[in-house]
């Protein structure tokens, strides 16, 4: 398996908690098309078709820190996801708004 880039992993992390490509774009300062590009590349590297399959493989491989793979049997509880632990890499060209 080829290693995933930080951006591909970040997009998979957000997808794993149910964010759409549009929402991820807003969070990461990317276009929806660029987010889909990163998801597609992650799928190709993981040898799967579709973001859900990529999320599953990444979870099972331990590539998504802070998230756990779904339990195989009913009755097991999952640890809540800590969104503040997800990386949001800085986007080039974006500057913080000046204080008024």
Protein backbone atom coordinates (compact mmCIF):
# COMPACT_ATOMS: atom_id res chain seq x y z
CA UNK A 1 0.00 0.00 0.00
CA UNK A 2 1.37 3.42 -0.96
CA UNK A 3 1.55 5.96 1.87
CA UNK A 4 -1.22 8.54 2.02
CA UNK A 5 -0.41 12.24 2.10
CA UNK A 6 -1.38 14.37 5.09
CA UNK A 7 -4.13 16.01 3.03
CA UNK A 8 -5.55 12.63 1.93
CA UNK A 9 -5.59 11.43 5.54
CA UNK A 10 -7.19 14.66 6.72
CA UNK A 11 -9.96 14.36 4.13
CA UNK A 12 -10.57 10.73 5.13
CA UNK A 13 -10.76 11.72 8.80
CA UNK A 14 -13.43 14.31 8.11
CA UNK A 15 -15.29 11.93 5.80
CA UNK A 16 -15.21 9.30 8.55
CA UNK A 17 -17.26 11.57 10.82
CA UNK A 18 -19.79 12.26 8.09
CA UNK A 19 -18.62 15.50 6.52
CA UNK A 20 -19.49 16.02 2.87
CA UNK A 21 -16.91 17.12 0.32
CA UNK A 22 -18.42 20.60 0.37
CA UNK A 23 -18.18 20.79 4.18
CA UNK A 24 -14.59 19.52 4.12
CA UNK A 25 -13.75 22.15 1.53
CA UNK A 26 -15.06 24.89 3.80
CA UNK A 27 -13.19 23.48 6.82
CA UNK A 28 -9.89 23.01 4.97
CA UNK A 29 -10.07 26.02 2.67
CA UNK A 30 -10.21 23.88 -0.48
CA UNK A 31 -12.66 23.53 -3.32
CA UNK A 32 -15.07 20.62 -3.29
CA UNK A 33 -13.35 19.31 -6.43
CA UNK A 34 -9.94 19.33 -4.70
CA UNK A 35 -11.37 17.42 -1.73
CA UNK A 36 -12.80 14.82 -4.11
CA UNK A 37 -9.39 14.62 -5.82
CA UNK A 38 -7.71 13.80 -2.47
CA UNK A 39 -10.39 11.22 -1.60
CA UNK A 40 -10.04 9.62 -5.04
CA UNK A 41 -6.24 9.43 -4.66
CA UNK A 42 -6.64 7.85 -1.23
CA UNK A 43 -9.03 5.26 -2.70
CA UNK A 44 -6.57 4.45 -5.47
CA UNK A 45 -3.65 4.07 -3.04
CA UNK A 46 -5.72 1.88 -0.71
CA UNK A 47 -6.93 -0.26 -3.62
CA UNK A 48 -10.64 0.35 -3.04
CA UNK A 49 -13.57 1.95 -4.83
CA UNK A 50 -15.49 4.55 -2.86
CA UNK A 51 -14.90 6.72 0.17
CA UNK A 52 -16.65 4.34 2.61
CA UNK A 53 -14.34 1.51 1.60
CA UNK A 54 -11.33 3.83 1.95
CA UNK A 55 -12.47 4.89 5.41
CA UNK A 56 -12.91 1.26 6.47
CA UNK A 57 -9.46 0.21 5.22
CA UNK A 58 -7.82 3.27 6.78
CA UNK A 59 -9.52 2.62 10.12
CA UNK A 60 -8.51 -1.04 10.10
CA UNK A 61 -4.93 -0.07 9.26
CA UNK A 62 -4.85 2.46 12.12
CA UNK A 63 -4.24 5.37 9.74
CA UNK A 64 -6.91 7.61 11.25
CA UNK A 65 -5.75 8.61 14.75
CA UNK A 66 -8.50 9.35 17.23
CA UNK A 67 -10.98 7.10 15.45
CA UNK A 68 -11.58 3.41 15.95
CA UNK A 69 -12.71 0.76 13.51
CA UNK A 70 -16.36 -0.29 13.90
CA UNK A 71 -16.94 -3.16 16.29
CA UNK A 72 -17.56 -6.51 14.64
CA UNK A 73 -20.34 -7.53 17.01
CA UNK A 74 -23.35 -5.74 18.38
CA UNK A 75 -23.31 -4.44 21.89
CA UNK A 76 -19.85 -2.90 21.77
CA UNK A 77 -19.79 0.80 22.33
CA UNK A 78 -17.65 3.26 20.45
CA UNK A 79 -15.57 5.99 21.91
CA UNK A 80 -16.87 9.45 21.00
CA UNK A 81 -14.95 11.25 18.27
CA UNK A 82 -12.92 14.26 19.34
CA UNK A 83 -13.20 16.69 16.41
CA UNK A 84 -10.76 19.16 17.92
CA UNK A 85 -8.01 16.53 17.56
CA UNK A 86 -8.39 16.44 13.77
CA UNK A 87 -5.64 18.25 11.90
CA UNK A 88 -6.57 21.21 9.79
CA UNK A 89 -3.42 21.98 7.80
CA UNK A 90 -2.95 25.63 6.96
CA UNK A 91 -3.95 26.53 3.43
CA UNK A 92 -1.51 28.68 1.49
CA UNK A 93 -2.83 32.09 0.59
CA UNK A 94 -5.39 32.31 3.40
CA UNK A 95 -4.74 35.02 5.93
CA UNK A 96 -6.66 35.60 9.16
CA UNK A 97 -9.17 38.43 9.02
CA UNK A 98 -7.76 41.67 10.45
CA UNK A 99 -9.22 42.81 13.75
CA UNK A 100 -11.61 45.71 13.28
